[in-house]
């Protein structure tokens, strides 16, 4: 069963331009619920405000939403969704995690193993993560550092494939050679920015 956000994306693929009320009517969800999901999709860069419809009288204009130009120009999210369903859904849980780990290995350069102390490895990991659009940075904490991802490159398919968060964890662990625990998923900070957070343990993984 498709999530509300995927239904919104599907609707905008078909209609190109719609208001929150029009989307709500089309997929039979309350306008308030649609506005909540649109706000998240805006933060994730999946949809954009593409125009306004003048209000009758003195009311506020109605925002019109569309998919971002990047999503309109290709169907990579659809291809990724189909490939994940085809390749992963038939696998037992353990084999599925192994397959995601191999995908994580292919996303970044692993020709050189992680070197130096944890701080040095964090800077190197941040550089590689940002090359593949994670908007990553790390934060020092008293107990253990945190690695923050300010952008989810897989936001369009994440509602149907939450296992991508597990792939992110394995990607981070491979880059740092240290255990990672996800402590926040698509959370919102005081400025309204969406992020995911991972706690990084200082110990190296056993090999």
Protein backbone atom coordinates (compact mmCIF):
# COMPACT_ATOMS: atom_id res chain seq x y z
CA UNK A 1 0.00 0.00 0.00
CA UNK A 2 1.37 3.39 -1.00
CA UNK A 3 2.07 6.04 1.61
CA UNK A 4 0.41 9.47 1.56
CA UNK A 5 3.64 11.10 0.37
CA UNK A 6 3.99 8.65 -2.49
CA UNK A 7 0.36 9.32 -3.46
CA UNK A 8 1.14 13.07 -3.46
CA UNK A 9 4.16 12.48 -5.70
CA UNK A 10 2.11 10.27 -8.04
CA UNK A 11 -0.62 12.91 -8.23
CA UNK A 12 1.87 15.66 -9.10
CA UNK A 13 3.47 13.46 -11.73
CA UNK A 14 0.09 13.16 -13.40
CA UNK A 15 -1.31 16.66 -12.88
CA UNK A 16 1.97 18.63 -12.77
CA UNK A 17 0.47 21.49 -10.74
CA UNK A 18 -2.03 21.30 -7.86
CA UNK A 19 -3.04 23.03 -4.64
CA UNK A 20 -3.11 21.24 -1.30
CA UNK A 21 -6.92 21.15 -1.40
CA UNK A 22 -6.90 19.63 -4.89
CA UNK A 23 -4.44 16.95 -3.82
CA UNK A 24 -6.53 16.24 -0.70
CA UNK A 25 -9.68 15.82 -2.78
CA UNK A 26 -7.93 13.56 -5.30
CA UNK A 27 -6.45 11.12 -2.78
CA UNK A 28 -9.19 11.43 -0.14
CA UNK A 29 -7.05 12.81 2.71
CA UNK A 30 -7.74 15.89 4.81
CA UNK A 31 -6.16 19.17 3.59
CA UNK A 32 -4.38 19.57 6.95
CA UNK A 33 -2.78 16.15 6.52
CA UNK A 34 -1.72 17.00 2.97
CA UNK A 35 -0.17 20.31 4.07
CA UNK A 36 1.86 18.47 6.71
CA UNK A 37 3.26 16.04 4.13
CA UNK A 38 3.86 18.82 1.60
CA UNK A 39 5.92 20.70 4.21
CA UNK A 40 8.14 17.62 4.66
CA UNK A 41 8.47 17.11 0.91
CA UNK A 42 9.38 20.79 0.51
CA UNK A 43 12.14 20.43 3.12
CA UNK A 44 13.43 17.33 1.37
CA UNK A 45 13.51 19.06 -2.02
CA UNK A 46 10.98 16.68 -3.58
CA UNK A 47 8.29 19.31 -4.30
CA UNK A 48 8.38 23.06 -4.84
CA UNK A 49 5.95 25.97 -4.77
CA UNK A 50 5.51 26.61 -8.48
CA UNK A 51 2.96 29.41 -8.40
CA UNK A 52 0.01 31.06 -6.71
CA UNK A 53 -3.69 31.28 -7.48
CA UNK A 54 -5.24 34.64 -6.49
CA UNK A 55 -7.73 34.43 -3.66
CA UNK A 56 -11.31 35.52 -3.91
CA UNK A 57 -11.73 38.77 -2.03
CA UNK A 58 -9.15 39.53 0.66
CA UNK A 59 -8.03 36.00 1.47
CA UNK A 60 -4.55 34.67 1.04
CA UNK A 61 -3.50 33.34 -2.37
CA UNK A 62 -3.47 29.57 -2.82
CA UNK A 63 -0.05 27.95 -3.30
CA UNK A 64 0.35 25.61 -6.26
CA UNK A 65 2.79 22.73 -5.89
CA UNK A 66 4.78 20.74 -8.42
CA UNK A 67 7.61 18.25 -8.34
CA UNK A 68 11.05 19.81 -8.45
CA UNK A 69 12.61 20.11 -11.89
CA UNK A 70 15.09 17.35 -11.07
CA UNK A 71 12.32 14.87 -10.32
CA UNK A 72 10.33 15.91 -13.39
CA UNK A 73 13.29 15.38 -15.71
CA UNK A 74 13.84 11.68 -15.00
CA UNK A 75 12.28 8.62 -13.41
CA UNK A 76 15.24 7.54 -11.30
CA UNK A 77 13.11 7.31 -8.17
CA UNK A 78 10.72 4.97 -9.97
CA UNK A 79 13.63 2.90 -11.31
CA UNK A 80 15.24 2.70 -7.85
CA UNK A 81 11.93 1.67 -6.31
CA UNK A 82 11.41 -1.07 -8.89
CA UNK A 83 14.98 -2.37 -8.57
CA UNK A 84 14.77 -2.53 -4.79
CA UNK A 85 11.49 -4.40 -4.94
CA UNK A 86 12.85 -6.84 -7.50
CA UNK A 87 16.23 -7.45 -5.90
CA UNK A 88 15.54 -7.24 -2.16
CA UNK A 89 11.96 -8.15 -1.30
CA UNK A 90 12.34 -11.85 -2.11
CA UNK A 91 15.48 -12.19 0.04
CA UNK A 92 15.51 -13.37 3.67
CA UNK A 93 16.28 -10.60 6.15
CA UNK A 94 19.93 -11.56 6.68
CA UNK A 95 20.66 -11.77 2.95
CA UNK A 96 18.85 -8.47 2.41
CA UNK A 97 21.15 -6.72 4.87
CA UNK A 98 24.21 -8.27 3.22
CA UNK A 99 22.99 -7.04 -0.17
CA UNK A 100 22.46 -3.51 1.19
CA UNK A 101 25.97 -3.61 2.63
CA UNK A 102 27.38 -4.44 -0.80
CA UNK A 103 25.42 -1.55 -2.30
CA UNK A 104 26.86 0.77 0.36
CA UNK A 105 30.35 -0.41 -0.55
CA UNK A 106 29.76 0.55 -4.19
CA UNK A 107 28.59 4.09 -3.39
CA UNK A 108 31.95 5.40 -2.19
CA UNK A 109 35.64 4.90 -2.85
CA UNK A 110 36.89 2.07 -0.64
CA UNK A 111 40.26 1.68 -2.37
CA UNK A 112 41.96 3.17 0.71
CA UNK A 113 40.91 1.81 4.13
CA UNK A 114 39.98 4.35 6.85
CA UNK A 115 43.18 5.67 8.40
CA UNK A 116 44.17 7.69 11.47
CA UNK A 117 42.18 8.57 14.55
CA UNK A 118 38.43 8.97 14.66
CA UNK A 119 38.55 12.73 14.03
CA UNK A 120 40.64 12.24 10.91
CA UNK A 121 38.33 9.50 9.71
CA UNK A 122 35.27 11.71 10.34
CA UNK A 123 36.64 14.49 8.13
CA UNK A 124 37.43 12.00 5.37
CA UNK A 125 33.94 10.44 5.66
CA UNK A 126 32.24 13.84 5.52
CA UNK A 127 34.08 14.65 2.30
CA UNK A 128 32.96 11.42 0.63
CA UNK A 129 29.38 11.68 1.90
CA UNK A 130 29.06 15.21 0.55
CA UNK A 131 30.31 14.08 -2.85
CA UNK A 132 27.14 11.97 -3.04
CA UNK A 133 24.87 14.77 -1.77
CA UNK A 134 24.28 13.96 1.90
CA UNK A 135 25.06 17.50 3.19
CA UNK A 136 26.92 15.83 6.05
CA UNK A 137 28.80 17.31 8.99
CA UNK A 138 29.91 16.04 12.37
CA UNK A 139 29.38 17.38 15.87
CA UNK A 140 31.55 16.83 18.94
CA UNK A 141 29.69 15.49 22.00
CA UNK A 142 30.83 14.58 25.52
CA UNK A 143 30.06 10.87 25.14
CA UNK A 144 30.63 10.28 21.42
CA UNK A 145 30.60 12.36 18.21
CA UNK A 146 27.47 12.61 16.08
CA UNK A 147 27.36 12.53 12.29
CA UNK A 148 24.51 14.60 10.89
CA UNK A 149 23.04 14.10 7.41
CA UNK A 150 21.25 17.26 6.29
CA UNK A 151 19.84 15.76 3.11
CA UNK A 152 18.42 12.35 2.25
CA UNK A 153 19.24 11.53 -1.40
CA UNK A 154 16.59 8.79 -1.27
CA UNK A 155 13.72 10.86 0.17
CA UNK A 156 11.41 10.03 -2.73
CA UNK A 157 11.59 6.27 -2.08
CA UNK A 158 12.23 6.23 1.68
CA UNK A 159 8.56 5.89 2.70
CA UNK A 160 8.37 2.59 0.79
CA UNK A 161 11.93 1.49 1.54
CA UNK A 162 12.92 2.44 5.12
CA UNK A 163 15.74 -0.08 4.84
CA UNK A 164 17.70 2.68 3.09
CA UNK A 165 18.41 4.01 6.61
CA UNK A 166 20.15 0.71 7.34
CA UNK A 167 22.19 1.17 4.19
CA UNK A 168 23.18 4.65 5.39
CA UNK A 169 24.32 3.17 8.70
CA UNK A 170 26.43 0.55 6.92
CA UNK A 171 27.83 3.21 4.60
CA UNK A 172 28.90 5.34 7.57
CA UNK A 173 30.37 2.36 9.43
CA UNK A 174 32.39 1.39 6.36
CA UNK A 175 33.76 4.91 5.94
CA UNK A 176 34.67 5.27 9.62
CA UNK A 177 35.54 1.69 10.56
CA UNK A 178 33.49 2.36 13.70
CA UNK A 179 30.02 1.35 14.93
CA UNK A 180 27.17 3.80 14.22
CA UNK A 181 23.72 3.99 15.83
CA UNK A 182 20.95 6.08 14.27
CA UNK A 183 19.52 8.47 16.89
CA UNK A 184 17.25 10.63 14.67
CA UNK A 185 15.43 9.97 11.41
CA UNK A 186 14.04 12.88 9.38
CA UNK A 187 13.86 14.97 12.56
CA UNK A 188 13.38 18.75 12.50
CA UNK A 189 15.74 21.13 14.30
CA UNK A 190 14.94 24.54 15.83
CA UNK A 191 15.29 26.20 12.41
CA UNK A 192 12.91 23.74 10.81
CA UNK A 193 15.64 21.87 8.91
CA UNK A 194 15.19 18.14 8.37
CA UNK A 195 18.08 15.86 9.34
CA UNK A 196 19.15 12.36 10.33
CA UNK A 197 21.70 11.75 13.09
CA UNK A 198 24.07 8.89 13.88
CA UNK A 199 26.03 8.38 17.10
CA UNK A 200 29.57 7.20 16.33
CA UNK A 201 31.28 4.91 18.80
CA UNK A 202 35.03 5.53 19.18
CA UNK A 203 36.00 1.85 18.87
CA UNK A 204 37.06 0.31 15.56
CA UNK A 205 34.97 -2.51 14.16
CA UNK A 206 36.47 -5.98 14.50
CA UNK A 207 37.57 -7.53 11.22
